[in-house]
N, C-alpha and C. Protein backbone atom coordinates (compact mmCIF):
# COMPACT_ATOMS: atom_id res chain seq x y z
N MET A 1 72.54 87.00 138.99
CA MET A 1 73.08 87.74 137.95
C MET A 1 72.64 87.29 136.63
N MET A 2 72.33 88.17 135.84
CA MET A 2 71.92 87.93 134.40
C MET A 2 73.16 87.65 133.49
N ARG A 3 73.13 86.47 132.99
CA ARG A 3 74.27 86.05 132.25
C ARG A 3 73.96 85.87 130.71
N THR A 4 72.74 85.54 130.42
CA THR A 4 72.46 85.29 129.00
C THR A 4 72.31 86.63 128.17
N TRP A 5 72.77 86.43 126.92
CA TRP A 5 72.89 87.66 126.04
C TRP A 5 71.91 87.40 124.92
N SER A 6 71.06 88.19 124.52
CA SER A 6 70.17 88.04 123.48
C SER A 6 70.83 88.87 122.17
N LEU A 7 70.23 88.65 121.08
CA LEU A 7 70.76 89.33 119.81
C LEU A 7 70.66 90.91 120.06
N MET A 8 69.37 91.27 120.79
CA MET A 8 69.32 92.67 120.98
C MET A 8 70.23 93.15 121.95
N HIS A 9 70.70 92.46 122.88
CA HIS A 9 71.78 92.88 123.82
C HIS A 9 73.01 93.18 122.96
N LEU A 10 73.40 92.24 122.14
CA LEU A 10 74.58 92.40 121.30
C LEU A 10 74.45 93.65 120.22
N VAL A 11 73.18 93.76 119.70
CA VAL A 11 72.98 94.90 118.88
C VAL A 11 73.17 96.24 119.57
N ALA A 12 72.53 96.25 120.78
CA ALA A 12 72.49 97.45 121.59
C ALA A 12 74.12 97.87 121.99
N LEU A 13 74.78 96.84 122.36
CA LEU A 13 76.18 97.10 122.65
C LEU A 13 76.97 97.49 121.51
N SER A 14 76.64 97.14 120.39
CA SER A 14 77.36 97.38 119.11
C SER A 14 77.14 98.99 118.83
N VAL A 15 75.79 99.22 118.95
CA VAL A 15 75.38 100.66 118.61
C VAL A 15 75.96 101.61 119.62
N ILE A 16 75.86 101.26 120.89
CA ILE A 16 76.65 102.11 121.96
C ILE A 16 78.09 102.41 121.55
N GLY A 17 78.75 101.16 121.28
CA GLY A 17 80.09 101.43 121.02
C GLY A 17 80.52 102.13 119.83
N ILE A 18 79.82 101.69 118.80
CA ILE A 18 80.18 102.37 117.58
C ILE A 18 79.93 103.91 117.61
N THR A 19 78.69 104.23 118.13
CA THR A 19 78.26 105.66 118.37
C THR A 19 79.26 106.36 119.15
N CYS A 20 79.55 105.88 120.38
CA CYS A 20 80.49 106.56 121.18
C CYS A 20 81.89 106.63 120.53
N GLY A 21 82.29 105.76 119.84
CA GLY A 21 83.64 105.78 119.12
C GLY A 21 83.60 106.84 118.11
N ALA A 22 82.56 107.05 117.33
CA ALA A 22 82.46 108.12 116.46
C ALA A 22 82.50 109.48 117.19
N LEU A 23 81.83 109.56 118.26
CA LEU A 23 81.79 110.87 119.08
C LEU A 23 83.27 111.10 119.57
N PHE A 24 83.96 109.98 120.12
CA PHE A 24 85.31 110.22 120.64
C PHE A 24 86.13 110.61 119.43
N ALA A 25 86.06 110.09 118.20
CA ALA A 25 86.79 110.55 117.06
C ALA A 25 86.71 112.13 116.89
N GLY A 26 85.43 112.54 117.01
CA GLY A 26 85.10 113.97 117.00
C GLY A 26 85.58 114.76 117.99
N TRP A 27 85.54 114.32 119.18
CA TRP A 27 86.11 114.91 120.29
C TRP A 27 87.66 114.95 120.37
N ASN A 28 88.27 113.91 119.67
CA ASN A 28 89.64 113.85 119.54
C ASN A 28 90.17 115.06 118.75
N LEU A 29 89.28 115.37 117.64
CA LEU A 29 89.77 116.71 116.87
C LEU A 29 89.57 117.88 117.61
N VAL A 30 88.56 117.96 118.46
CA VAL A 30 88.35 119.18 119.19
C VAL A 30 89.57 119.33 120.33
N TRP A 31 89.80 118.18 120.94
CA TRP A 31 90.80 118.12 121.94
C TRP A 31 92.20 118.57 121.31
N GLY A 32 92.62 117.99 120.22
CA GLY A 32 93.78 118.23 119.59
C GLY A 32 93.95 119.66 119.39
N ALA A 33 92.92 120.33 118.83
CA ALA A 33 92.92 121.88 118.41
C ALA A 33 92.94 122.74 119.69
N ALA A 34 92.17 122.27 120.76
CA ALA A 34 92.16 123.03 121.79
C ALA A 34 93.17 122.92 122.96
N SER A 35 93.88 121.76 122.89
CA SER A 35 94.78 121.43 123.91
C SER A 35 95.95 122.58 124.18
N PRO A 36 96.40 123.36 123.23
CA PRO A 36 97.34 124.47 123.46
C PRO A 36 96.65 125.69 124.40
N LEU A 37 95.41 125.92 124.04
CA LEU A 37 94.54 126.78 124.87
C LEU A 37 94.32 126.32 126.33
N PHE A 38 93.93 125.01 126.38
CA PHE A 38 93.70 124.42 127.75
C PHE A 38 95.02 124.61 128.46
N ALA A 39 96.12 124.17 127.93
CA ALA A 39 97.30 124.18 128.69
C ALA A 39 97.80 125.59 129.06
N ALA A 40 97.50 126.55 128.28
CA ALA A 40 97.82 127.99 128.74
C ALA A 40 96.89 128.53 129.72
N VAL A 41 95.55 128.11 129.56
CA VAL A 41 94.58 128.80 130.46
C VAL A 41 94.16 127.96 131.71
N LEU A 42 94.07 126.62 131.45
CA LEU A 42 93.69 125.80 132.53
C LEU A 42 94.62 124.44 132.56
N PRO A 43 95.66 124.47 133.18
CA PRO A 43 96.66 123.30 133.16
C PRO A 43 95.99 121.92 133.54
N LEU A 44 94.86 122.05 134.47
CA LEU A 44 94.29 120.76 134.82
C LEU A 44 93.02 120.51 133.88
N GLN A 45 93.21 120.64 132.47
CA GLN A 45 92.12 120.61 131.62
C GLN A 45 91.28 119.16 131.76
N TYR A 46 92.06 118.18 132.27
CA TYR A 46 91.35 116.87 132.42
C TYR A 46 90.20 117.04 133.38
N LEU A 47 90.17 118.04 134.32
CA LEU A 47 89.14 118.24 135.21
C LEU A 47 87.86 118.53 134.67
N LEU A 48 87.87 119.14 133.49
CA LEU A 48 86.57 119.53 132.89
C LEU A 48 86.24 118.61 131.74
N PHE A 49 86.99 117.92 130.97
CA PHE A 49 86.76 117.32 129.81
C PHE A 49 87.13 115.80 129.66
N ALA A 50 88.09 115.40 130.35
CA ALA A 50 88.50 114.14 130.16
C ALA A 50 87.46 112.93 130.34
N GLY A 51 86.45 113.25 131.09
CA GLY A 51 85.43 112.24 131.34
C GLY A 51 84.58 111.89 130.02
N THR A 52 84.76 112.58 129.07
CA THR A 52 83.95 112.35 127.88
C THR A 52 84.45 111.08 127.17
N TRP A 53 85.71 110.75 127.43
CA TRP A 53 86.20 109.54 126.77
C TRP A 53 85.84 108.18 127.53
N VAL A 54 85.16 108.43 128.80
CA VAL A 54 84.86 107.22 129.36
C VAL A 54 83.38 106.88 129.44
N ILE A 55 82.47 107.62 128.74
CA ILE A 55 81.10 107.41 128.79
C ILE A 55 80.65 106.14 128.20
N ALA A 56 81.33 105.46 127.20
CA ALA A 56 80.88 104.22 126.75
C ALA A 56 80.71 103.08 127.61
N GLY A 57 81.64 102.91 128.52
CA GLY A 57 81.62 101.85 129.36
C GLY A 57 80.45 101.90 130.24
N PRO A 58 80.29 103.14 131.10
CA PRO A 58 79.18 103.19 131.90
C PRO A 58 77.87 103.13 131.14
N LEU A 59 77.73 103.73 130.02
CA LEU A 59 76.50 103.66 129.22
C LEU A 59 76.14 102.15 128.92
N ALA A 60 77.12 101.47 128.37
CA ALA A 60 76.95 100.08 127.92
C ALA A 60 76.49 99.27 129.16
N GLY A 61 77.24 99.42 130.30
CA GLY A 61 76.75 98.84 131.67
C GLY A 61 75.46 99.13 132.12
N LEU A 62 75.05 100.23 132.01
CA LEU A 62 73.61 100.74 132.52
C LEU A 62 72.71 100.14 131.48
N ILE A 63 72.86 100.03 130.26
CA ILE A 63 71.81 99.58 129.26
C ILE A 63 71.79 98.12 129.25
N VAL A 64 72.96 97.39 129.07
CA VAL A 64 72.96 96.04 128.79
C VAL A 64 72.94 95.13 130.21
N ARG A 65 73.55 95.70 131.14
CA ARG A 65 73.81 94.89 132.49
C ARG A 65 74.00 93.51 132.41
N ARG A 66 75.05 93.20 131.86
CA ARG A 66 75.51 91.78 131.67
C ARG A 66 77.10 91.85 131.84
N PRO A 67 77.63 90.69 132.37
CA PRO A 67 79.01 90.67 132.46
C PRO A 67 79.86 90.84 131.26
N GLY A 68 80.82 91.79 131.19
CA GLY A 68 81.56 92.18 130.07
C GLY A 68 81.02 93.33 129.28
N ALA A 69 79.73 93.74 129.52
CA ALA A 69 79.03 94.82 128.63
C ALA A 69 79.84 96.19 128.90
N ALA A 70 80.33 96.56 130.02
CA ALA A 70 80.84 97.94 130.05
C ALA A 70 82.25 97.83 129.49
N LEU A 71 83.02 96.83 129.75
CA LEU A 71 84.36 96.67 129.08
C LEU A 71 84.27 96.67 127.50
N ALA A 72 83.27 95.83 127.00
CA ALA A 72 83.11 95.52 125.62
C ALA A 72 82.68 96.97 125.07
N GLY A 73 81.79 97.64 125.56
CA GLY A 73 81.34 99.00 125.18
C GLY A 73 82.43 99.96 125.05
N GLU A 74 83.31 100.11 126.00
CA GLU A 74 84.62 100.95 125.88
C GLU A 74 85.45 100.52 124.83
N MET A 75 85.80 99.12 124.89
CA MET A 75 86.65 98.71 123.86
C MET A 75 86.25 98.95 122.36
N ILE A 76 84.96 98.72 122.15
CA ILE A 76 84.36 98.97 120.83
C ILE A 76 84.47 100.44 120.50
N ALA A 77 84.21 101.28 121.43
CA ALA A 77 84.30 102.71 121.22
C ALA A 77 85.71 103.12 121.11
N ALA A 78 86.72 102.56 121.66
CA ALA A 78 88.23 102.99 121.48
C ALA A 78 88.66 102.45 120.15
N SER A 79 88.18 101.29 119.82
CA SER A 79 88.56 100.66 118.57
C SER A 79 88.05 101.53 117.36
N VAL A 80 86.85 101.95 117.52
CA VAL A 80 86.35 102.78 116.34
C VAL A 80 87.09 104.06 116.35
N SER A 81 87.39 104.70 117.45
CA SER A 81 88.15 105.93 117.53
C SER A 81 89.46 105.76 116.96
N PHE A 82 90.15 104.60 117.17
CA PHE A 82 91.44 104.35 116.57
C PHE A 82 91.33 104.16 115.05
N LEU A 83 90.38 103.50 114.67
CA LEU A 83 90.12 103.23 113.17
C LEU A 83 89.68 104.66 112.43
N LEU A 84 89.20 105.54 113.12
CA LEU A 84 88.86 106.90 112.53
C LEU A 84 90.18 107.95 112.79
N ALA A 85 91.18 107.26 112.95
CA ALA A 85 92.49 108.14 112.90
C ALA A 85 92.67 108.97 114.17
N SER A 86 92.60 108.28 115.37
CA SER A 86 92.86 108.95 116.61
C SER A 86 94.34 109.30 116.66
N GLN A 87 94.61 110.59 117.21
CA GLN A 87 96.05 111.06 117.29
C GLN A 87 96.85 110.08 118.21
N TRP A 88 96.09 109.32 119.09
CA TRP A 88 96.87 108.31 119.99
C TRP A 88 97.02 106.94 119.39
N SER A 89 96.78 106.87 118.20
CA SER A 89 97.02 105.59 117.43
C SER A 89 96.38 104.43 118.32
N VAL A 90 97.14 103.30 118.13
CA VAL A 90 96.73 102.05 118.77
C VAL A 90 96.54 102.22 120.38
N ASP A 91 97.26 103.15 120.84
CA ASP A 91 97.17 103.42 122.43
C ASP A 91 95.72 103.70 122.72
N ALA A 92 95.00 104.33 121.85
CA ALA A 92 93.55 104.54 122.18
C ALA A 92 92.89 103.19 122.61
N ILE A 93 93.15 102.06 122.18
CA ILE A 93 92.59 100.81 122.50
C ILE A 93 93.13 100.39 123.82
N PHE A 94 94.34 100.63 124.18
CA PHE A 94 94.78 100.27 125.47
C PHE A 94 94.22 101.17 126.60
N SER A 95 94.10 102.36 126.23
CA SER A 95 93.35 103.29 127.21
C SER A 95 91.94 102.91 127.36
N GLY A 96 91.26 102.44 126.31
CA GLY A 96 89.89 102.04 126.45
C GLY A 96 89.77 100.74 127.23
N ALA A 97 90.81 99.94 127.25
CA ALA A 97 90.72 98.75 128.03
C ALA A 97 90.90 99.07 129.52
N ALA A 98 91.70 100.00 129.77
CA ALA A 98 91.94 100.56 131.23
C ALA A 98 90.68 101.10 131.79
N GLN A 99 90.02 101.91 130.87
CA GLN A 99 88.84 102.57 131.29
C GLN A 99 87.68 101.73 131.41
N GLY A 100 87.56 100.66 130.52
CA GLY A 100 86.44 99.88 130.51
C GLY A 100 86.49 98.80 131.70
N ILE A 101 87.67 98.46 132.19
CA ILE A 101 87.93 97.52 133.35
C ILE A 101 87.31 98.27 134.41
N GLY A 102 87.75 99.61 134.58
CA GLY A 102 87.16 100.24 135.80
C GLY A 102 85.70 100.34 135.72
N ALA A 103 85.07 100.74 134.69
CA ALA A 103 83.52 100.64 134.70
C ALA A 103 83.00 99.26 135.00
N GLU A 104 83.61 98.28 134.30
CA GLU A 104 83.17 96.88 134.67
C GLU A 104 83.28 96.55 136.12
N LEU A 105 84.22 96.95 136.79
CA LEU A 105 84.24 96.78 138.28
C LEU A 105 83.12 97.17 138.91
N ALA A 106 82.66 98.39 138.65
CA ALA A 106 81.49 99.02 139.36
C ALA A 106 80.23 98.13 139.15
N PHE A 107 80.04 97.71 137.98
CA PHE A 107 78.73 96.84 137.67
C PHE A 107 78.94 95.56 138.29
N ALA A 108 80.28 94.96 138.26
CA ALA A 108 80.32 93.59 138.96
C ALA A 108 80.00 93.54 140.45
N ALA A 109 80.42 94.75 141.01
CA ALA A 109 80.39 94.87 142.49
C ALA A 109 78.73 94.85 142.97
N VAL A 110 77.97 95.15 142.03
CA VAL A 110 76.52 95.06 142.42
C VAL A 110 75.87 93.93 141.64
N GLY A 111 76.57 93.02 141.04
CA GLY A 111 76.09 91.96 140.41
C GLY A 111 75.26 92.21 139.18
N TYR A 112 75.45 93.28 138.52
CA TYR A 112 74.87 93.86 137.27
C TYR A 112 73.34 94.01 137.36
N ARG A 113 72.89 94.16 138.55
CA ARG A 113 71.56 94.19 138.88
C ARG A 113 71.09 95.83 138.89
N VAL A 114 71.97 96.59 139.53
CA VAL A 114 71.54 97.86 139.79
C VAL A 114 71.96 98.87 138.69
N ALA A 115 71.24 99.84 138.35
CA ALA A 115 71.54 100.78 137.32
C ALA A 115 71.18 102.16 137.74
N GLY A 116 71.44 102.53 138.96
CA GLY A 116 71.16 103.81 139.49
C GLY A 116 72.25 104.84 139.31
N TRP A 117 72.12 105.96 139.90
CA TRP A 117 73.19 106.99 139.93
C TRP A 117 74.43 106.68 140.54
N ARG A 118 74.17 106.00 141.74
CA ARG A 118 75.50 105.56 142.46
C ARG A 118 76.39 104.64 141.61
N VAL A 119 75.68 103.70 140.99
CA VAL A 119 76.54 102.80 140.07
C VAL A 119 77.23 103.51 139.00
N ALA A 120 76.24 104.35 138.37
CA ALA A 120 76.79 105.13 137.13
C ALA A 120 77.95 106.04 137.65
N LEU A 121 78.00 106.69 138.68
CA LEU A 121 79.02 107.57 139.08
C LEU A 121 80.17 106.77 139.48
N ALA A 122 79.98 105.66 140.05
CA ALA A 122 81.12 104.93 140.40
C ALA A 122 81.87 104.25 139.24
N ALA A 123 81.02 103.82 138.29
CA ALA A 123 81.45 103.32 136.99
C ALA A 123 82.30 104.35 136.38
N GLY A 124 81.82 105.66 136.36
CA GLY A 124 82.58 106.80 135.72
C GLY A 124 83.77 106.95 136.49
N ALA A 125 83.77 107.08 137.82
CA ALA A 125 84.88 107.22 138.74
C ALA A 125 86.01 106.18 138.44
N LEU A 126 85.67 104.96 138.45
CA LEU A 126 86.57 103.92 138.32
C LEU A 126 87.22 103.86 136.76
N SER A 127 86.44 104.32 136.04
CA SER A 127 86.86 104.43 134.69
C SER A 127 88.07 105.59 134.58
N GLY A 128 87.80 106.57 135.45
CA GLY A 128 88.82 107.72 135.68
C GLY A 128 90.09 107.18 136.17
N VAL A 129 89.92 106.22 137.08
CA VAL A 129 91.12 105.67 137.82
C VAL A 129 91.76 104.84 136.72
N GLY A 130 91.07 104.06 135.87
CA GLY A 130 91.76 103.36 134.86
C GLY A 130 92.46 104.36 133.86
N MET A 131 91.81 105.45 133.61
CA MET A 131 92.49 106.55 132.82
C MET A 131 93.83 106.98 133.32
N ALA A 132 93.79 107.28 134.71
CA ALA A 132 94.91 107.86 135.34
C ALA A 132 95.95 106.73 135.47
N LEU A 133 95.67 105.40 135.66
CA LEU A 133 96.75 104.44 135.74
C LEU A 133 97.40 104.23 134.38
N HIS A 134 96.58 104.42 133.33
CA HIS A 134 97.10 104.39 131.98
C HIS A 134 97.84 105.61 131.48
N ASP A 135 97.24 106.69 131.71
CA ASP A 135 97.85 108.02 131.17
C ASP A 135 98.91 108.57 131.98
N LEU A 136 98.94 108.58 133.28
CA LEU A 136 100.10 109.10 133.99
C LEU A 136 101.48 108.81 133.77
N PRO A 137 101.72 107.41 133.76
CA PRO A 137 103.04 106.95 133.49
C PRO A 137 103.46 107.17 131.93
N LEU A 138 102.42 107.19 131.12
CA LEU A 138 102.82 107.25 129.67
C LEU A 138 102.88 108.54 129.09
N TYR A 139 101.88 109.60 129.61
CA TYR A 139 101.96 110.96 129.10
C TYR A 139 102.44 112.00 130.09
N PHE A 140 102.51 111.71 131.29
CA PHE A 140 103.04 112.65 132.26
C PHE A 140 104.03 112.08 133.22
N ALA A 141 104.92 111.32 132.54
CA ALA A 141 106.03 110.62 133.48
C ALA A 141 106.88 111.73 134.13
N GLY A 142 107.14 112.91 133.45
CA GLY A 142 108.02 113.81 134.19
C GLY A 142 107.56 114.74 135.27
N VAL A 143 106.08 114.77 135.45
CA VAL A 143 105.65 115.57 136.35
C VAL A 143 105.94 115.18 137.80
N ASP A 144 105.83 116.22 138.71
CA ASP A 144 106.11 115.92 140.22
C ASP A 144 104.85 115.29 140.71
N ALA A 145 105.04 114.61 141.77
CA ALA A 145 103.99 113.85 142.53
C ALA A 145 102.75 114.53 142.80
N GLY A 146 102.96 115.90 143.23
CA GLY A 146 101.63 116.55 143.66
C GLY A 146 100.80 116.89 142.39
N TYR A 147 101.42 117.22 141.38
CA TYR A 147 100.71 117.46 140.08
C TYR A 147 100.16 116.33 139.50
N ALA A 148 100.86 115.12 139.57
CA ALA A 148 100.33 113.84 139.09
C ALA A 148 98.99 113.36 140.00
N ALA A 149 99.11 113.76 141.23
CA ALA A 149 97.98 113.50 142.16
C ALA A 149 96.92 114.32 141.78
N ALA A 150 97.18 115.67 141.50
CA ALA A 150 96.10 116.48 140.99
C ALA A 150 95.36 115.89 139.65
N LEU A 151 96.21 115.62 138.63
CA LEU A 151 95.75 115.12 137.50
C LEU A 151 94.85 113.79 137.68
N ALA A 152 95.37 112.99 138.49
CA ALA A 152 94.60 111.63 138.79
C ALA A 152 93.19 111.96 139.29
N ALA A 153 93.25 112.94 140.30
CA ALA A 153 92.02 113.36 141.06
C ALA A 153 91.01 113.98 140.00
N ALA A 154 91.72 114.81 138.95
CA ALA A 154 90.90 115.50 138.06
C ALA A 154 90.24 114.54 137.19
N MET A 155 90.94 113.54 136.76
CA MET A 155 90.48 112.28 135.93
C MET A 155 89.29 111.58 136.50
N VAL A 156 89.50 111.28 137.83
CA VAL A 156 88.43 110.42 138.53
C VAL A 156 87.27 111.30 138.52
N VAL A 157 87.24 112.59 139.04
CA VAL A 157 86.11 113.48 139.21
C VAL A 157 85.46 113.65 137.83
N SER A 158 86.23 114.06 136.76
CA SER A 158 85.59 114.09 135.39
C SER A 158 84.91 112.79 135.05
N GLY A 159 85.53 111.65 135.26
CA GLY A 159 85.10 110.44 134.75
C GLY A 159 83.79 110.17 135.62
N ALA A 160 83.58 110.51 136.78
CA ALA A 160 82.45 110.50 137.54
C ALA A 160 81.27 111.43 136.98
N LEU A 161 81.61 112.61 136.71
CA LEU A 161 80.56 113.52 136.47
C LEU A 161 80.18 113.40 134.79
N LEU A 162 81.22 113.54 134.07
CA LEU A 162 80.92 113.40 132.61
C LEU A 162 80.59 111.98 132.09
N GLY A 163 81.45 111.11 132.50
CA GLY A 163 81.32 109.78 132.10
C GLY A 163 80.19 109.10 132.71
N GLY A 164 80.19 108.85 133.98
CA GLY A 164 79.19 108.16 134.77
C GLY A 164 77.79 109.03 134.66
N GLY A 165 77.89 110.42 135.03
CA GLY A 165 76.70 111.17 134.98
C GLY A 165 76.16 111.31 133.76
N GLY A 166 76.85 111.59 132.74
CA GLY A 166 76.49 111.71 131.33
C GLY A 166 75.82 110.36 130.83
N ALA A 167 76.42 109.32 131.22
CA ALA A 167 75.81 108.00 130.83
C ALA A 167 74.50 107.81 131.45
N LEU A 168 74.34 108.22 132.67
CA LEU A 168 73.06 108.17 133.35
C LEU A 168 71.95 109.00 132.82
N VAL A 169 72.30 110.24 132.34
CA VAL A 169 71.36 111.10 131.70
C VAL A 169 70.99 110.52 130.31
N LEU A 170 71.84 110.00 129.62
CA LEU A 170 71.67 109.29 128.26
C LEU A 170 70.75 108.25 128.51
N HIS A 171 71.08 107.32 129.43
CA HIS A 171 70.26 106.03 129.81
C HIS A 171 68.85 106.45 130.03
N ARG A 172 68.61 107.47 130.96
CA ARG A 172 67.23 107.87 131.25
C ARG A 172 66.41 108.38 130.13
N ALA A 173 67.20 109.10 129.25
CA ALA A 173 66.50 109.72 128.10
C ALA A 173 66.06 108.77 127.00
N LEU A 174 66.98 107.68 127.02
CA LEU A 174 66.61 106.59 125.97
C LEU A 174 65.55 105.81 126.63
N ARG A 175 65.67 105.53 128.03
CA ARG A 175 64.40 104.67 128.54
C ARG A 175 63.07 105.56 128.41
N ARG A 176 63.05 106.87 128.75
CA ARG A 176 61.75 107.56 128.45
C ARG A 176 61.31 107.62 127.11
N SER A 177 62.33 107.57 126.14
CA SER A 177 61.87 107.54 124.73
C SER A 177 61.34 106.21 124.26
N GLY A 178 61.52 105.24 125.01
CA GLY A 178 60.97 103.90 124.71
C GLY A 178 61.94 103.08 123.99
N ALA A 179 63.03 103.81 123.54
CA ALA A 179 64.00 103.03 122.85
C ALA A 179 64.76 101.71 123.48
N LEU A 180 64.57 101.70 124.78
CA LEU A 180 65.25 100.53 125.43
C LEU A 180 64.18 99.50 125.61
N GLY A 181 62.86 99.57 125.26
CA GLY A 181 61.93 98.72 125.81
C GLY A 181 62.16 97.32 125.30
N VAL A 182 62.91 97.21 124.03
CA VAL A 182 63.05 95.79 123.52
C VAL A 182 64.06 95.00 124.34
N ILE A 183 64.98 95.63 124.95
CA ILE A 183 65.90 94.87 125.84
C ILE A 183 65.66 95.02 127.29
N GLY A 184 64.71 95.67 127.78
CA GLY A 184 64.20 95.94 129.11
C GLY A 184 65.15 96.58 129.95
N ALA A 185 65.86 97.49 129.39
CA ALA A 185 66.85 98.29 130.20
C ALA A 185 66.31 99.50 130.89
């Protein structure tokens, strides 16, 4: 397992977290404006879009591949989102922690050595599990068990596809561009 962190790893992690946090803040605005439409047309809107909030952890884990990188990436992004006036206030940080722990577990399971599609999808899916564990009791406390299970499944699938899959696509694009050559990711 690679344990040492260089300055470039810290810079890369910071750039990932801050950039994703700014994207989260923009997505928060779109989400807030579109939620009434989602609720009317597609009650399980999480199925399509919730995974966008978990991309920072898998992306940080894929690029930095050090213990704590996925959690830190998601926490930095959540903190930036909060600081840019997230409608969820400080809860954005707690949500980021739950999601980041999920991503971190996927990378820890492979000793931070592997950065392929299986790990990326698992990191996204486990981030979705963290999202479900955080969001369901807080934001969906009154729903019946069947609907809660459907919401949780939607969060996990979206986390895998948008969060993990999106992170893998970004990672590969950055690697092809040569932008990751300095840190060897």
